[in-house]
Structures are given as structure tokens and as C-alpha cells.
Amino acid sequence: MSLQVELEQHRNTLIVRLRGELDHHTADQVRFKIEDAFLRGRCHHVVLNLQELSFMDSSGLGVVLGRYKTVSSRGGKLVVCGAQPAVKRLFELSGLLKMLPFHETETAALSGLEVVS
């Protein structure tokens, strides 16, 4: 299965919606698209919507961790929303669940960031 990446800028936040499978075959594509959009759009925060992500492996975790470091180094926040149980479990096992704010919905994630901004 492939991966679709949808990017949208909402105020100073880049919303990234992933659909499909984030694995070693698609990780570089996602990494490049998020980096490029984040820097071009002059965004401060990133919301990673994983509601329609059906699978993620360690390469996907690497993408998330790398974007977290980039966003954090610029004083922003990266938040995750809508993760399916299997994907959320991967975050839990990796320890990223303790590092990243998780929200049930994209709206909740955006609302949380507006409090921070």
C-alpha cells in the first residue's frame, strides 16, 4: 500500500494528514515534504494527524522524531492526533508517547496549540 500526504497551513501551524502506510519505503518522501512545507510556510507548529494511517514502522518513528527535533529547535510544538490503536502502541513502546502531546482529534490539537501560541 502507498502513502498519501496532505499538507495544510492553518495560521502558524502546518497540518500534516497521513493516509496509508508510513514505513521504510515512504519515510524519505514524508520527511522531505514536511521539512519543505514547514520551512517554506514559515510555520511555528506541526499537527501530525494519523487518523488514516494504517501502519507505521521504526522508519516512521524516525521521521516523527526528526520533525519533533526540527520544530522544537525553532521554538515550536509538534503534536499528534487521531492515532489508531496499533500506531499509538508503537509510540508508547518507543517512549515517544511521553515526549509528544497526543489528542483525539485535529480540532483538539489545534485548540491546544492556540493556548501555547
PDB file of N, CA and C in Angstrom:
ATOM      1  N   MET A   1       0.840  -1.187   0.000  1.00  0.00           N
ATOM      2  CA  MET A   1       0.000   0.000   0.000  1.00  0.00           C
ATOM      3  C   MET A   1       0.879   1.243   0.000  1.00  0.00           C
ATOM      4  N   SER A   2       0.394   2.288  -0.552  1.00  0.00           N
ATOM      5  CA  SER A   2       1.168   3.524  -0.634  1.00  0.00           C
ATOM      6  C   SER A   2       0.786   4.471   0.494  1.00  0.00           C
ATOM      7  N   LEU A   3       1.364   5.642   0.436  1.00  0.00           N
ATOM      8  CA  LEU A   3       1.101   6.661   1.441  1.00  0.00           C
ATOM      9  C   LEU A   3       0.714   7.951   0.743  1.00  0.00           C
ATOM     10  N   GLN A   4      -0.318   8.590   1.239  1.00  0.00           N
ATOM     11  CA  GLN A   4      -0.712   9.910   0.755  1.00  0.00           C
ATOM     12  C   GLN A   4      -0.429  10.910   1.855  1.00  0.00           C
ATOM     13  N   VAL A   5       0.140  12.045   1.465  1.00  0.00           N
ATOM     14  CA  VAL A   5       0.474  13.105   2.404  1.00  0.00           C
ATOM     15  C   VAL A   5      -0.307  14.349   2.005  1.00  0.00           C
ATOM     16  N   GLU A   6      -1.121  14.837   2.912  1.00  0.00           N
ATOM     17  CA  GLU A   6      -1.883  16.060   2.676  1.00  0.00           C
ATOM     18  C   GLU A   6      -1.355  17.123   3.631  1.00  0.00           C
ATOM     19  N   LEU A   7      -1.011  18.273   3.090  1.00  0.00           N
ATOM     20  CA  LEU A   7      -0.458  19.364   3.887  1.00  0.00           C
ATOM     21  C   LEU A   7      -1.381  20.567   3.810  1.00  0.00           C
ATOM     22  N   GLU A   8      -1.582  21.208   4.949  1.00  0.00           N
ATOM     23  CA  GLU A   8      -2.413  22.405   5.000  1.00  0.00           C
ATOM     24  C   GLU A   8      -1.824  23.346   6.044  1.00  0.00           C
ATOM     25  N   GLN A   9      -1.790  24.622   5.726  1.00  0.00           N
ATOM     26  CA  GLN A   9      -1.319  25.589   6.711  1.00  0.00           C
ATOM     27  C   GLN A   9      -2.529  26.262   7.343  1.00  0.00           C
ATOM     28  N   HIS A  10      -2.566  26.275   8.650  1.00  0.00           N
ATOM     29  CA  HIS A  10      -3.624  26.928   9.420  1.00  0.00           C
ATOM     30  C   HIS A  10      -2.937  27.907  10.366  1.00  0.00           C
ATOM     31  N   ARG A  11      -3.047  29.186  10.031  1.00  0.00           N
ATOM     32  CA  ARG A  11      -2.330  30.239  10.768  1.00  0.00           C
ATOM     33  C   ARG A  11      -0.842  29.914  10.784  1.00  0.00           C
ATOM     34  N   ASN A  12      -0.265  29.727  11.960  1.00  0.00           N
ATOM     35  CA  ASN A  12       1.179  29.452  12.028  1.00  0.00           C
ATOM     36  C   ASN A  12       1.467  27.960  12.246  1.00  0.00           C
ATOM     37  N   THR A  13       0.498  27.120  11.879  1.00  0.00           N
ATOM     38  CA  THR A  13       0.621  25.684  12.104  1.00  0.00           C
ATOM     39  C   THR A  13       0.509  24.914  10.790  1.00  0.00           C
ATOM     40  N   LEU A  14       1.420  23.986  10.592  1.00  0.00           N
ATOM     41  CA  LEU A  14       1.360  23.075   9.454  1.00  0.00           C
ATOM     42  C   LEU A  14       0.610  21.825   9.898  1.00  0.00           C
ATOM     43  N   ILE A  15      -0.478  21.514   9.206  1.00  0.00           N
ATOM     44  CA  ILE A  15      -1.239  20.295   9.482  1.00  0.00           C
ATOM     45  C   ILE A  15      -0.813  19.255   8.455  1.00  0.00           C
ATOM     46  N   VAL A  16      -0.383  18.104   8.942  1.00  0.00           N
ATOM     47  CA  VAL A  16       0.063  17.002   8.084  1.00  0.00           C
ATOM     48  C   VAL A  16      -0.882  15.831   8.310  1.00  0.00           C
ATOM     49  N   ARG A  17      -1.594  15.446   7.249  1.00  0.00           N
ATOM     50  CA  ARG A  17      -2.506  14.298   7.325  1.00  0.00           C
ATOM     51  C   ARG A  17      -1.896  13.153   6.518  1.00  0.00           C
ATOM     52  N   LEU A  18      -1.683  12.024   7.183  1.00  0.00           N
ATOM     53  CA  LEU A  18      -1.084  10.860   6.531  1.00  0.00           C
ATOM     54  C   LEU A  18      -2.136   9.779   6.355  1.00  0.00           C
ATOM     55  N   ARG A  19      -2.166   9.194   5.160  1.00  0.00           N
ATOM     56  CA  ARG A  19      -3.133   8.157   4.827  1.00  0.00           C
ATOM     57  C   ARG A  19      -2.390   6.988   4.186  1.00  0.00           C
ATOM     58  N   GLY A  20      -2.469   5.815   4.794  1.00  0.00           N
ATOM     59  CA  GLY A  20      -1.812   4.636   4.237  1.00  0.00           C
ATOM     60  C   GLY A  20      -0.783   4.078   5.201  1.00  0.00           C
ATOM     61  N   GLU A  21       0.411   3.773   4.673  1.00  0.00           N
ATOM     62  CA  GLU A  21       1.466   3.148   5.465  1.00  0.00           C
ATOM     63  C   GLU A  21       2.730   3.995   5.457  1.00  0.00           C
ATOM     64  N   LEU A  22       3.226   4.289   6.650  1.00  0.00           N
ATOM     65  CA  LEU A  22       4.476   5.031   6.801  1.00  0.00           C
ATOM     66  C   LEU A  22       5.548   4.024   7.213  1.00  0.00           C
ATOM     67  N   ASP A  23       6.395   3.660   6.247  1.00  0.00           N
ATOM     68  CA  ASP A  23       7.426   2.670   6.500  1.00  0.00           C
ATOM     69  C   ASP A  23       8.713   3.068   5.787  1.00  0.00           C
ATOM     70  N   HIS A  24       9.666   2.153   5.716  1.00  0.00           N
ATOM     71  CA  HIS A  24      10.965   2.489   5.119  1.00  0.00           C
ATOM     72  C   HIS A  24      10.853   2.842   3.635  1.00  0.00           C
ATOM     73  N   HIS A  25       9.770   2.443   2.984  1.00  0.00           N
ATOM     74  CA  HIS A  25       9.571   2.789   1.574  1.00  0.00           C
ATOM     75  C   HIS A  25       9.096   4.230   1.398  1.00  0.00           C
ATOM     76  N   THR A  26       8.378   4.764   2.376  1.00  0.00           N
ATOM     77  CA  THR A  26       7.760   6.089   2.233  1.00  0.00           C
ATOM     78  C   THR A  26       8.345   7.141   3.167  1.00  0.00           C
ATOM     79  N   ALA A  27       9.223   6.749   4.066  1.00  0.00           N
ATOM     80  CA  ALA A  27       9.736   7.662   5.096  1.00  0.00           C
ATOM     81  C   ALA A  27      10.446   8.885   4.499  1.00  0.00           C
ATOM     82  N   ASP A  28      11.310   8.686   3.507  1.00  0.00           N
ATOM     83  CA  ASP A  28      12.033   9.814   2.925  1.00  0.00           C
ATOM     84  C   ASP A  28      11.095  10.812   2.263  1.00  0.00           C
ATOM     85  N   GLN A  29      10.068  10.311   1.588  1.00  0.00           N
ATOM     86  CA  GLN A  29       9.089  11.173   0.938  1.00  0.00           C
ATOM     87  C   GLN A  29       8.400  12.061   1.979  1.00  0.00           C
ATOM     88  N   VAL A  30       7.971  11.466   3.075  1.00  0.00           N
ATOM     89  CA  VAL A  30       7.281  12.211   4.131  1.00  0.00           C
ATOM     90  C   VAL A  30       8.225  13.215   4.773  1.00  0.00           C
ATOM     91  N   ARG A  31       9.420  12.785   5.065  1.00  0.00           N
ATOM     92  CA  ARG A  31      10.428  13.652   5.689  1.00  0.00           C
ATOM     93  C   ARG A  31      10.646  14.902   4.834  1.00  0.00           C
ATOM     94  N   PHE A  32      10.848  14.705   3.533  1.00  0.00           N
ATOM     95  CA  PHE A  32      11.101  15.827   2.640  1.00  0.00           C
ATOM     96  C   PHE A  32       9.895  16.760   2.551  1.00  0.00           C
ATOM     97  N   LYS A  33       8.705  16.202   2.380  1.00  0.00           N
ATOM     98  CA  LYS A  33       7.512  17.037   2.227  1.00  0.00           C
ATOM     99  C   LYS A  33       7.233  17.885   3.467  1.00  0.00           C
ATOM    100  N   ILE A  34       7.375  17.282   4.637  1.00  0.00           N
ATOM    101  CA  ILE A  34       7.119  18.032   5.874  1.00  0.00           C
ATOM    102  C   ILE A  34       8.177  19.106   6.063  1.00  0.00           C
ATOM    103  N   GLU A  35       9.439  18.755   5.906  1.00  0.00           N
ATOM    104  CA  GLU A  35      10.534  19.725   6.064  1.00  0.00           C
ATOM    105  C   GLU A  35      10.336  20.912   5.135  1.00  0.00           C
ATOM    106  N   ASP A  36      10.091  20.617   3.864  1.00  0.00           N
ATOM    107  CA  ASP A  36       9.938  21.657   2.855  1.00  0.00           C
ATOM    108  C   ASP A  36       8.761  22.578   3.188  1.00  0.00           C
ATOM    109  N   ALA A  37       7.611  22.003   3.486  1.00  0.00           N
ATOM    110  CA  ALA A  37       6.424  22.803   3.787  1.00  0.00           C
ATOM    111  C   ALA A  37       6.599  23.600   5.078  1.00  0.00           C
ATOM    112  N   PHE A  38       7.229  23.004   6.076  1.00  0.00           N
ATOM    113  CA  PHE A  38       7.435  23.680   7.355  1.00  0.00           C
ATOM    114  C   PHE A  38       8.318  24.916   7.175  1.00  0.00           C
ATOM    115  N   LEU A  39       9.394  24.759   6.428  1.00  0.00           N
ATOM    116  CA  LEU A  39      10.322  25.867   6.253  1.00  0.00           C
ATOM    117  C   LEU A  39       9.790  26.910   5.270  1.00  0.00           C
ATOM    118  N   ARG A  40       9.151  26.491   4.202  1.00  0.00           N
ATOM    119  CA  ARG A  40       8.592  27.428   3.215  1.00  0.00           C
ATOM    120  C   ARG A  40       7.427  28.233   3.774  1.00  0.00           C
ATOM    121  N   GLY A  41       6.580  27.552   4.545  1.00  0.00           N
ATOM    122  CA  GLY A  41       5.381  28.189   5.065  1.00  0.00           C
ATOM    123  C   GLY A  41       5.627  29.048   6.285  1.00  0.00           C
ATOM    124  N   ARG A  42       6.854  29.025   6.741  1.00  0.00           N
ATOM    125  CA  ARG A  42       7.204  29.782   7.952  1.00  0.00           C
ATOM    126  C   ARG A  42       6.262  29.443   9.102  1.00  0.00           C
ATOM    127  N   CYS A  43       6.033  28.165   9.250  1.00  0.00           N
ATOM    128  CA  CYS A  43       5.161  27.664  10.314  1.00  0.00           C
ATOM    129  C   CYS A  43       5.949  27.595  11.619  1.00  0.00           C
ATOM    130  N   HIS A  44       5.215  27.627  12.685  1.00  0.00           N
ATOM    131  CA  HIS A  44       5.825  27.547  14.007  1.00  0.00           C
ATOM    132  C   HIS A  44       5.556  26.184  14.660  1.00  0.00           C
ATOM    133  N   HIS A  45       4.385  25.609  14.365  1.00  0.00           N
ATOM    134  CA  HIS A  45       3.969  24.346  14.967  1.00  0.00           C
ATOM    135  C   HIS A  45       3.588  23.342  13.880  1.00  0.00           C
ATOM    136  N   VAL A  46       3.520  22.055  14.273  1.00  0.00           N
ATOM    137  CA  VAL A  46       3.078  20.995  13.365  1.00  0.00           C
ATOM    138  C   VAL A  46       2.068  20.107  14.084  1.00  0.00           C
ATOM    139  N   VAL A  47       0.939  19.857  13.421  1.00  0.00           N
ATOM    140  CA  VAL A  47      -0.031  18.873  13.881  1.00  0.00           C
ATOM    141  C   VAL A  47       0.084  17.690  12.935  1.00  0.00           C
ATOM    142  N   LEU A  48       0.370  16.538  13.482  1.00  0.00           N
ATOM    143  CA  LEU A  48       0.515  15.313  12.713  1.00  0.00           C
ATOM    144  C   LEU A  48      -0.745  14.473  12.915  1.00  0.00           C
ATOM    145  N   ASN A  49      -1.627  14.483  11.916  1.00  0.00           N
ATOM    146  CA  ASN A  49      -2.892  13.765  12.004  1.00  0.00           C
ATOM    147  C   ASN A  49      -2.694  12.351  11.442  1.00  0.00           C
ATOM    148  N   LEU A  50      -2.799  11.356  12.306  1.00  0.00           N
ATOM    149  CA  LEU A  50      -2.561   9.964  11.936  1.00  0.00           C
ATOM    150  C   LEU A  50      -3.847   9.143  11.905  1.00  0.00           C
ATOM    151  N   GLN A  51      -4.974   9.815  11.817  1.00  0.00           N
ATOM    152  CA  GLN A  51      -6.269   9.147  11.855  1.00  0.00           C
ATOM    153  C   GLN A  51      -6.401   8.074  10.778  1.00  0.00           C
ATOM    154  N   GLU A  52      -5.852   8.315   9.592  1.00  0.00           N
ATOM    155  CA  GLU A  52      -5.988   7.351   8.494  1.00  0.00           C
ATOM    156  C   GLU A  52      -4.679   6.633   8.183  1.00  0.00           C
ATOM    157  N   LEU A  53      -3.753   6.648   9.132  1.00  0.00           N
ATOM    158  CA  LEU A  53      -2.505   5.909   8.975  1.00  0.00           C
ATOM    159  C   LEU A  53      -2.739   4.484   9.474  1.00  0.00           C
ATOM    160  N   SER A  54      -2.628   3.524   8.570  1.00  0.00           N
ATOM    161  CA  SER A  54      -2.951   2.140   8.933  1.00  0.00           C
ATOM    162  C   SER A  54      -1.754   1.365   9.470  1.00  0.00           C
ATOM    163  N   PHE A  55      -0.524   1.828   9.163  1.00  0.00           N
ATOM    164  CA  PHE A  55       0.675   1.107   9.591  1.00  0.00           C
ATOM    165  C   PHE A  55       1.842   2.074   9.690  1.00  0.00           C
ATOM    166  N   MET A  56       2.696   1.826  10.680  1.00  0.00           N
ATOM    167  CA  MET A  56       3.927   2.597  10.814  1.00  0.00           C
ATOM    168  C   MET A  56       4.989   1.695  11.411  1.00  0.00           C
ATOM    169  N   ASP A  57       6.216   1.792  10.904  1.00  0.00           N
ATOM    170  CA  ASP A  57       7.326   1.019  11.464  1.00  0.00           C
ATOM    171  C   ASP A  57       8.343   1.976  12.082  1.00  0.00           C
ATOM    172  N   SER A  58       9.506   1.457  12.424  1.00  0.00           N
ATOM    173  CA  SER A  58      10.532   2.275  13.090  1.00  0.00           C
ATOM    174  C   SER A  58      11.027   3.421  12.202  1.00  0.00           C
ATOM    175  N   SER A  59      10.975   3.249  10.890  1.00  0.00           N
ATOM    176  CA  SER A  59      11.353   4.348   9.987  1.00  0.00           C
ATOM    177  C   SER A  59      10.390   5.515  10.152  1.00  0.00           C
ATOM    178  N   GLY A  60       9.126   5.199  10.330  1.00  0.00           N
ATOM    179  CA  GLY A  60       8.123   6.233  10.573  1.00  0.00           C
ATOM    180  C   GLY A  60       8.358   6.946  11.887  1.00  0.00           C
ATOM    181  N   LEU A  61       8.729   6.183  12.917  1.00  0.00           N
ATOM    182  CA  LEU A  61       9.070   6.805  14.203  1.00  0.00           C
ATOM    183  C   LEU A  61      10.250   7.757  14.041  1.00  0.00           C
ATOM    184  N   GLY A  62      11.208   7.350  13.221  1.00  0.00           N
ATOM    185  CA  GLY A  62      12.362   8.212  12.954  1.00  0.00           C
ATOM    186  C   GLY A  62      11.960   9.513  12.292  1.00  0.00           C
ATOM    187  N   VAL A  63      11.010   9.445  11.375  1.00  0.00           N
ATOM    188  CA  VAL A  63      10.505  10.656  10.713  1.00  0.00           C
ATOM    189  C   VAL A  63       9.867  11.576  11.751  1.00  0.00           C
ATOM    190  N   VAL A  64       9.025  11.014  12.594  1.00  0.00           N
ATOM    191  CA  VAL A  64       8.339  11.813  13.617  1.00  0.00           C
ATOM    192  C   VAL A  64       9.355  12.433  14.577  1.00  0.00           C
ATOM    193  N   LEU A  65      10.295  11.643  15.047  1.00  0.00           N
ATOM    194  CA  LEU A  65      11.299  12.148  15.983  1.00  0.00           C
ATOM    195  C   LEU A  65      12.141  13.257  15.344  1.00  0.00           C
ATOM    196  N   GLY A  66      12.535  13.069  14.108  1.00  0.00           N
ATOM    197  CA  GLY A  66      13.315  14.092  13.410  1.00  0.00           C
ATOM    198  C   GLY A  66      12.551  15.395  13.245  1.00  0.00           C
ATOM    199  N   ARG A  67      11.256  15.312  12.906  1.00  0.00           N
ATOM    200  CA  ARG A  67      10.442  16.524  12.755  1.00  0.00           C
ATOM    201  C   ARG A  67      10.231  17.175  14.116  1.00  0.00           C
ATOM    202  N   TYR A  68      10.085  16.366  15.149  1.00  0.00           N
ATOM    203  CA  TYR A  68       9.959  16.904  16.504  1.00  0.00           C
ATOM    204  C   TYR A  68      11.195  17.736  16.864  1.00  0.00           C
ATOM    205  N   LYS A  69      12.369  17.204  16.557  1.00  0.00           N
ATOM    206  CA  LYS A  69      13.613  17.927  16.858  1.00  0.00           C
ATOM    207  C   LYS A  69      13.706  19.223  16.063  1.00  0.00           C
ATOM    208  N   THR A  70      13.336  19.179  14.784  1.00  0.00           N
ATOM    209  CA  THR A  70      13.380  20.385  13.945  1.00  0.00           C
ATOM    210  C   THR A  70      12.435  21.454  14.474  1.00  0.00           C
ATOM    211  N   VAL A  71      11.195  21.061  14.744  1.00  0.00           N
ATOM    212  CA  VAL A  71      10.193  22.013  15.218  1.00  0.00           C
ATOM    213  C   VAL A  71      10.594  22.573  16.594  1.00  0.00           C
ATOM    214  N   SER A  72      11.037  21.704  17.486  1.00  0.00           N
ATOM    215  CA  SER A  72      11.441  22.128  18.831  1.00  0.00           C
ATOM    216  C   SER A  72      12.636  23.079  18.793  1.00  0.00           C
ATOM    217  N   SER A  73      13.583  22.815  17.900  1.00  0.00           N
ATOM    218  CA  SER A  73      14.767  23.674  17.823  1.00  0.00           C
ATOM    219  C   SER A  73      14.414  25.088  17.366  1.00  0.00           C
ATOM    220  N   ARG A  74      13.250  25.243  16.750  1.00  0.00           N
ATOM    221  CA  ARG A  74      12.779  26.546  16.305  1.00  0.00           C
ATOM    222  C   ARG A  74      11.754  27.137  17.276  1.00  0.00           C
ATOM    223  N   GLY A  75      11.607  26.517  18.438  1.00  0.00           N
ATOM    224  CA  GLY A  75      10.711  27.035  19.464  1.00  0.00           C
ATOM    225  C   GLY A  75       9.251  26.652  19.302  1.00  0.00           C
ATOM    226  N   GLY A  76       8.957  25.718  18.402  1.00  0.00           N
ATOM    227  CA  GLY A  76       7.579  25.308  18.170  1.00  0.00           C
ATOM    228  C   GLY A  76       7.225  24.006  18.853  1.00  0.00           C
ATOM    229  N   LYS A  77       6.009  23.568  18.614  1.00  0.00           N
ATOM    230  CA  LYS A  77       5.496  22.316  19.185  1.00  0.00           C
ATOM    231  C   LYS A  77       5.047  21.396  18.055  1.00  0.00           C
ATOM    232  N   LEU A  78       5.280  20.103  18.223  1.00  0.00           N
ATOM    233  CA  LEU A  78       4.733  19.089  17.340  1.00  0.00           C
ATOM    234  C   LEU A  78       3.774  18.264  18.170  1.00  0.00           C
ATOM    235  N   VAL A  79       2.531  18.159  17.701  1.00  0.00           N
ATOM    236  CA  VAL A  79       1.531  17.363  18.405  1.00  0.00           C
ATOM    237  C   VAL A  79       0.962  16.324  17.445  1.00  0.00           C
ATOM    238  N   VAL A  80       0.506  15.222  18.004  1.00  0.00           N
ATOM    239  CA  VAL A  80      -0.027  14.116  17.224  1.00  0.00           C
ATOM    240  C   VAL A  80      -1.501  13.956  17.573  1.00  0.00           C
ATOM    241  N   CYS A  81      -2.306  13.636  16.563  1.00  0.00           N
ATOM    242  CA  CYS A  81      -3.723  13.394  16.844  1.00  0.00           C
ATOM    243  C   CYS A  81      -4.240  12.222  16.022  1.00  0.00           C
ATOM    244  N   GLY A  82      -5.317  11.620  16.527  1.00  0.00           N
ATOM    245  CA  GLY A  82      -6.056  10.610  15.807  1.00  0.00           C
ATOM    246  C   GLY A  82      -5.354   9.295  15.548  1.00  0.00           C
ATOM    247  N   ALA A  83      -4.323   8.972  16.298  1.00  0.00           N
ATOM    248  CA  ALA A  83      -3.577   7.734  16.028  1.00  0.00           C
ATOM    249  C   ALA A  83      -4.432   6.503  16.308  1.00  0.00           C
ATOM    250  N   GLN A  84      -4.401   5.564  15.374  1.00  0.00           N
ATOM    251  CA  GLN A  84      -5.075   4.277  15.539  1.00  0.00           C
ATOM    252  C   GLN A  84      -4.394   3.508  16.682  1.00  0.00           C
ATOM    253  N   PRO A  85      -5.097   2.575  17.330  1.00  0.00           N
ATOM    254  CA  PRO A  85      -4.521   1.864  18.479  1.00  0.00           C
ATOM    255  C   PRO A  85      -3.155   1.218  18.215  1.00  0.00           C
ATOM    256  N   ALA A  86      -2.979   0.572  17.072  1.00  0.00           N
ATOM    257  CA  ALA A  86      -1.694  -0.091  16.787  1.00  0.00           C
ATOM    258  C   ALA A  86      -0.567   0.923  16.624  1.00  0.00           C
ATOM    259  N   VAL A  87      -0.873   2.050  15.995  1.00  0.00           N
ATOM    260  CA  VAL A  87       0.134   3.097  15.801  1.00  0.00           C
ATOM    261  C   VAL A  87       0.440   3.768  17.134  1.00  0.00           C
ATOM    262  N   LYS A  88      -0.587   4.026  17.918  1.00  0.00           N
ATOM    263  CA  LYS A  88      -0.379   4.642  19.232  1.00  0.00           C
ATOM    264  C   LYS A  88       0.451   3.729  20.135  1.00  0.00           C
ATOM    265  N   ARG A  89       0.231   2.438  20.012  1.00  0.00           N
ATOM    266  CA  ARG A  89       1.003   1.452  20.797  1.00  0.00           C
ATOM    267  C   ARG A  89       2.478   1.520  20.434  1.00  0.00           C
ATOM    268  N   LEU A  90       2.790   1.714  19.165  1.00  0.00           N
ATOM    269  CA  LEU A  90       4.169   1.865  18.721  1.00  0.00           C
ATOM    270  C   LEU A  90       4.814   3.100  19.359  1.00  0.00           C
ATOM    271  N   PHE A  91       4.065   4.194  19.430  1.00  0.00           N
ATOM    272  CA  PHE A  91       4.556   5.399  20.101  1.00  0.00           C
ATOM    273  C   PHE A  91       4.808   5.117  21.587  1.00  0.00           C
ATOM    274  N   GLU A  92       3.907   4.374  22.190  1.00  0.00           N
ATOM    275  CA  GLU A  92       4.041   4.033  23.602  1.00  0.00           C
ATOM    276  C   GLU A  92       5.292   3.189  23.849  1.00  0.00           C
ATOM    277  N   LEU A  93       5.478   2.148  23.052  1.00  0.00           N
ATOM    278  CA  LEU A  93       6.635   1.255  23.211  1.00  0.00           C
ATOM    279  C   LEU A  93       7.955   1.967  22.965  1.00  0.00           C
ATOM    280  N   SER A  94       7.953   2.954  22.080  1.00  0.00           N
ATOM    281  CA  SER A  94       9.184   3.675  21.746  1.00  0.00           C
ATOM    282  C   SER A  94       9.523   4.773  22.756  1.00  0.00           C
ATOM    283  N   GLY A  95       8.562   5.141  23.599  1.00  0.00           N
ATOM    284  CA  GLY A  95       8.781   6.233  24.548  1.00  0.00           C
ATOM    285  C   GLY A  95       8.369   7.595  24.012  1.00  0.00           C
ATOM    286  N   LEU A  96       8.009   7.676  22.732  1.00  0.00           N
ATOM    287  CA  LEU A  96       7.596   8.955  22.155  1.00  0.00           C
ATOM    288  C   LEU A  96       6.265   9.445  22.717  1.00  0.00           C
ATOM    289  N   LEU A  97       5.469   8.529  23.217  1.00  0.00           N
ATOM    290  CA  LEU A  97       4.182   8.914  23.799  1.00  0.00           C
ATOM    291  C   LEU A  97       4.380   9.844  24.995  1.00  0.00           C
ATOM    292  N   LYS A  98       5.509   9.703  25.685  1.00  0.00           N
ATOM    293  CA  LYS A  98       5.819  10.568  26.827  1.00  0.00           C
ATOM    294  C   LYS A  98       6.352  11.931  26.391  1.00  0.00           C
ATOM    295  N   MET A  99       6.912  11.995  25.186  1.00  0.00           N
ATOM    296  CA  MET A  99       7.519  13.235  24.694  1.00  0.00           C
ATOM    297  C   MET A  99       6.536  14.138  23.961  1.00  0.00           C
ATOM    298  N   LEU A 100       5.581  13.531  23.266  1.00  0.00           N
ATOM    299  CA  LEU A 100       4.701  14.279  22.381  1.00  0.00           C
ATOM    300  C   LEU A 100       3.288  14.364  22.930  1.00  0.00           C
ATOM    301  N   PRO A 101       2.679  15.540  22.827  1.00  0.00           N
ATOM    302  CA  PRO A 101       1.263  15.630  23.197  1.00  0.00           C
ATOM    303  C   PRO A 101       0.408  14.867  22.186  1.00  0.00           C
ATOM    304  N   PHE A 102      -0.541  14.088  22.684  1.00  0.00           N
ATOM    305  CA  PHE A 102      -1.477  13.346  21.844  1.00  0.00           C
ATOM    306  C   PHE A 102      -2.885  13.876  22.082  1.00  0.00           C
ATOM    307  N   HIS A 103      -3.630  14.060  21.002  1.00  0.00           N
ATOM    308  CA  HIS A 103      -5.025  14.492  21.084  1.00  0.00           C
ATOM    309  C   HIS A 103      -5.870  13.529  20.264  1.00  0.00           C
ATOM    310  N   GLU A 104      -7.121  13.429  20.622  1.00  0.00           N
ATOM    311  CA  GLU A 104      -8.026  12.531  19.899  1.00  0.00           C
ATOM    312  C   GLU A 104      -8.365  13.071  18.513  1.00  0.00           C
ATOM    313  N   THR A 105      -8.529  14.382  18.395  1.00  0.00           N
ATOM    314  CA  THR A 105      -8.956  14.981  17.127  1.00  0.00           C
ATOM    315  C   THR A 105      -8.018  16.103  16.703  1.00  0.00           C
ATOM    316  N   GLU A 106      -8.095  16.435  15.435  1.00  0.00           N
ATOM    317  CA  GLU A 106      -7.317  17.555  14.890  1.00  0.00           C
ATOM    318  C   GLU A 106      -7.764  18.878  15.521  1.00  0.00           C
ATOM    319  N   THR A 107      -9.054  19.031  15.721  1.00  0.00           N
ATOM    320  CA  THR A 107      -9.585  20.246  16.336  1.00  0.00           C
ATOM    321  C   THR A 107      -9.024  20.437  17.746  1.00  0.00           C
ATOM    322  N   ALA A 108      -8.974  19.367  18.513  1.00  0.00           N
ATOM    323  CA  ALA A 108      -8.417  19.435  19.873  1.00  0.00           C
ATOM    324  C   ALA A 108      -6.930  19.781  19.829  1.00  0.00           C
ATOM    325  N   ALA A 109      -6.211  19.219  18.863  1.00  0.00           N
ATOM    326  CA  ALA A 109      -4.779  19.506  18.732  1.00  0.00           C
ATOM    327  C   ALA A 109      -4.554  20.980  18.400  1.00  0.00           C
ATOM    328  N   LEU A 110      -5.335  21.507  17.467  1.00  0.00           N
ATOM    329  CA  LEU A 110      -5.215  22.925  17.106  1.00  0.00           C
ATOM    330  C   LEU A 110      -5.591  23.827  18.268  1.00  0.00           C
ATOM    331  N   SER A 111      -6.624  23.459  18.998  1.00  0.00           N
ATOM    332  CA  SER A 111      -7.038  24.253  20.164  1.00  0.00           C
ATOM    333  C   SER A 111      -5.934  24.278  21.215  1.00  0.00           C
ATOM    334  N   GLY A 112      -5.305  23.132  21.429  1.00  0.00           N
ATOM    335  CA  GLY A 112      -4.197  23.060  22.392  1.00  0.00           C
ATOM    336  C   GLY A 112      -3.033  23.942  21.987  1.00  0.00           C
ATOM    337  N   LEU A 113      -2.767  24.017  20.710  1.00  0.00           N
ATOM    338  CA  LEU A 113      -1.660  24.856  20.228  1.00  0.00           C
ATOM    339  C   LEU A 113      -1.985  26.335  20.333  1.00  0.00           C
ATOM    340  N   GLU A 114      -3.252  26.711  20.171  1.00  0.00           N
ATOM    341  CA  GLU A 114      -3.615  28.105  20.276  1.00  0.00           C
ATOM    342  C   GLU A 114      -3.414  28.629  21.689  1.00  0.00           C
ATOM    343  N   VAL A 115      -3.536  27.751  22.663  1.00  0.00           N
ATOM    344  CA  VAL A 115      -3.268  28.126  24.051  1.00  0.00           C
ATOM    345  C   VAL A 115      -1.783  28.396  24.222  1.00  0.00           C
ATOM    346  N   VAL A 116      -0.952  27.600  23.544  1.00  0.00           N
ATOM    347  CA  VAL A 116       0.513  27.727  23.632  1.00  0.00           C
ATOM    348  C   VAL A 116       1.006  28.966  22.899  1.00  0.00           C
ATOM    349  N   SER A 117       0.420  29.252  21.731  1.00  0.00           N
ATOM    350  CA  SER A 117       0.906  30.343  20.863  1.00  0.00           C
ATOM    351  C   SER A 117       0.746  31.699  21.471  1.00  0.00           C
TER     352      SER A 117
END
